[in-house]
Amino acid sequence: MIDVVLVAVGGAAGALARYAIARAFGSRRLGSPPAILVANVIASIFLGLLIPTVHGPWSALLAVGFCGALSTYSSFSIDVLELGRRRIGSAVGYSILSIVACVLGVTLGALVGQAVTG
């Protein structure tokens, strides 16, 4: 039961962080392509750091809760759809940039996390 509470608390914090990032980009809705990209990359880096370093309750709080709420595949998908309606090239470019940046982010985070843990 404690894991459920930890996921909820981490999720609330991650959602608030995503909202703050959207506001920092001046978005009037829940996000914009640049804000969602930044949130997803930050979540990927942080998740990469966490994988080799935290386990158990900390994993529920930070990896599942916080990173899960900070990153957002659904908003990314909506952004791709909206960009595709205007310019298909922008949608494809944004998709490729997002995937590459997030994979590089999680890789970088994991390498740093492994270096820290020895």
Protein backbone atom coordinates (compact mmCIF):
# COMPACT_ATOMS: atom_id res chain seq x y z
CA MET A 1 0.00 0.00 0.00
CA ILE A 2 2.86 2.38 0.73
CA ASP A 3 4.07 2.06 -2.87
CA VAL A 4 0.70 3.34 -4.10
CA VAL A 5 1.02 6.41 -1.89
CA LEU A 6 4.61 6.98 -2.99
CA VAL A 7 3.65 6.75 -6.68
CA ALA A 8 0.82 9.23 -6.07
CA VAL A 9 3.08 11.70 -4.25
CA GLY A 10 5.80 11.39 -6.88
CA GLY A 11 3.21 11.71 -9.63
CA ALA A 12 1.82 14.89 -8.12
CA ALA A 13 5.31 16.39 -7.94
CA GLY A 14 6.10 15.33 -11.52
CA ALA A 15 2.85 16.78 -12.84
CA LEU A 16 3.55 20.07 -11.07
CA ALA A 17 7.06 20.12 -12.54
CA ARG A 18 5.65 19.54 -16.03
CA TYR A 19 3.13 22.35 -15.47
CA ALA A 20 5.95 24.67 -14.35
CA ILE A 21 7.96 23.85 -17.47
CA ALA A 22 4.93 24.56 -19.68
CA ARG A 23 4.41 27.89 -17.92
CA ALA A 24 8.10 28.76 -18.29
CA PHE A 25 7.66 28.35 -22.05
CA GLY A 26 4.63 30.64 -21.94
CA SER A 27 2.21 27.89 -22.90
CA ARG A 28 -1.44 28.63 -22.22
CA ARG A 29 -2.42 25.00 -22.57
CA LEU A 30 -0.86 22.00 -20.89
CA GLY A 31 2.23 22.18 -23.04
CA SER A 32 3.79 23.13 -26.31
CA PRO A 33 6.21 21.14 -28.46
CA PRO A 34 9.31 22.80 -26.91
CA ALA A 35 7.98 22.47 -23.34
CA ILE A 36 6.98 18.84 -23.79
CA LEU A 37 10.35 18.05 -25.38
CA VAL A 38 12.18 19.63 -22.42
CA ALA A 39 9.99 17.81 -19.87
CA ASN A 40 10.47 14.47 -21.63
CA VAL A 41 14.25 14.88 -21.92
CA ILE A 42 14.58 15.93 -18.27
CA ALA A 43 12.47 12.93 -17.22
CA SER A 44 14.61 10.64 -19.40
CA ILE A 45 17.88 11.91 -17.93
CA PHE A 46 16.54 11.66 -14.39
CA LEU A 47 15.15 8.18 -15.00
CA GLY A 48 18.51 7.09 -16.41
CA LEU A 49 20.20 8.37 -13.25
CA LEU A 50 17.71 6.54 -11.07
CA ILE A 51 17.84 3.12 -12.73
CA PRO A 52 21.23 2.09 -11.32
CA THR A 53 20.94 4.01 -8.05
CA VAL A 54 17.47 3.62 -6.48
CA HIS A 55 15.32 0.62 -5.66
CA GLY A 56 12.22 -0.27 -3.69
CA PRO A 57 10.17 2.62 -2.30
CA TRP A 58 12.47 5.23 -3.81
CA SER A 59 11.90 3.73 -7.23
CA ALA A 60 8.12 3.94 -6.75
CA LEU A 61 8.36 7.58 -5.65
CA LEU A 62 10.91 8.88 -8.14
CA ALA A 63 11.01 6.59 -11.18
CA VAL A 64 7.37 5.55 -11.51
CA GLY A 65 5.70 8.52 -9.83
CA PHE A 66 7.81 11.58 -10.58
CA CYS A 67 9.33 10.61 -13.94
CA GLY A 68 6.12 8.99 -15.10
CA ALA A 69 4.13 12.17 -14.53
CA LEU A 70 6.85 14.55 -15.72
CA SER A 71 7.17 12.80 -19.07
CA THR A 72 4.13 12.69 -21.27
CA TYR A 73 3.67 10.54 -24.32
CA SER A 74 0.08 11.65 -24.80
CA SER A 75 0.97 15.36 -25.02
CA PHE A 76 3.86 14.48 -27.33
CA SER A 77 1.39 12.61 -29.56
CA ILE A 78 -1.02 15.53 -29.66
CA ASP A 79 1.84 17.88 -30.57
CA VAL A 80 2.86 15.58 -33.43
CA LEU A 81 -0.74 15.46 -34.67
CA GLU A 82 -1.12 19.25 -34.55
CA LEU A 83 2.24 19.83 -36.21
CA GLY A 84 1.37 17.25 -38.88
CA ARG A 85 -1.84 19.09 -39.72
CA ARG A 86 0.19 22.19 -40.53
CA ARG A 87 3.45 20.76 -41.87
CA ILE A 88 4.25 17.08 -42.05
CA GLY A 89 7.98 17.81 -42.10
CA SER A 90 7.75 19.59 -38.75
CA ALA A 91 5.90 16.64 -37.25
CA VAL A 92 8.47 14.15 -38.51
CA GLY A 93 11.37 16.34 -37.38
CA TYR A 94 9.87 16.86 -33.92
CA SER A 95 9.23 13.12 -33.58
CA ILE A 96 12.79 12.20 -34.52
CA LEU A 97 14.28 14.93 -32.32
CA SER A 98 12.17 13.83 -29.35
CA ILE A 99 13.03 10.15 -29.66
CA VAL A 100 16.74 10.74 -30.19
CA ALA A 101 17.00 13.33 -27.40
CA CYS A 102 15.15 11.13 -24.90
CA VAL A 103 17.18 8.02 -25.72
CA LEU A 104 20.40 10.03 -25.44
CA GLY A 105 19.12 11.55 -22.19
CA VAL A 106 18.34 8.22 -20.55
CA THR A 107 21.69 6.85 -21.76
CA LEU A 108 23.59 9.83 -20.36
CA GLY A 109 21.73 9.59 -17.09
CA ALA A 110 22.41 5.85 -16.80
CA LEU A 111 26.11 6.35 -17.51
CA VAL A 112 26.36 9.04 -14.85
CA GLY A 113 24.35 6.92 -12.41
CA GLN A 114 26.62 3.93 -13.00
CA ALA A 115 29.71 6.10 -12.53
CA VAL A 116 28.35 7.42 -9.23
CA THR A 117 27.53 3.97 -7.90
CA GLY A 118 30.84 2.53 -8.98
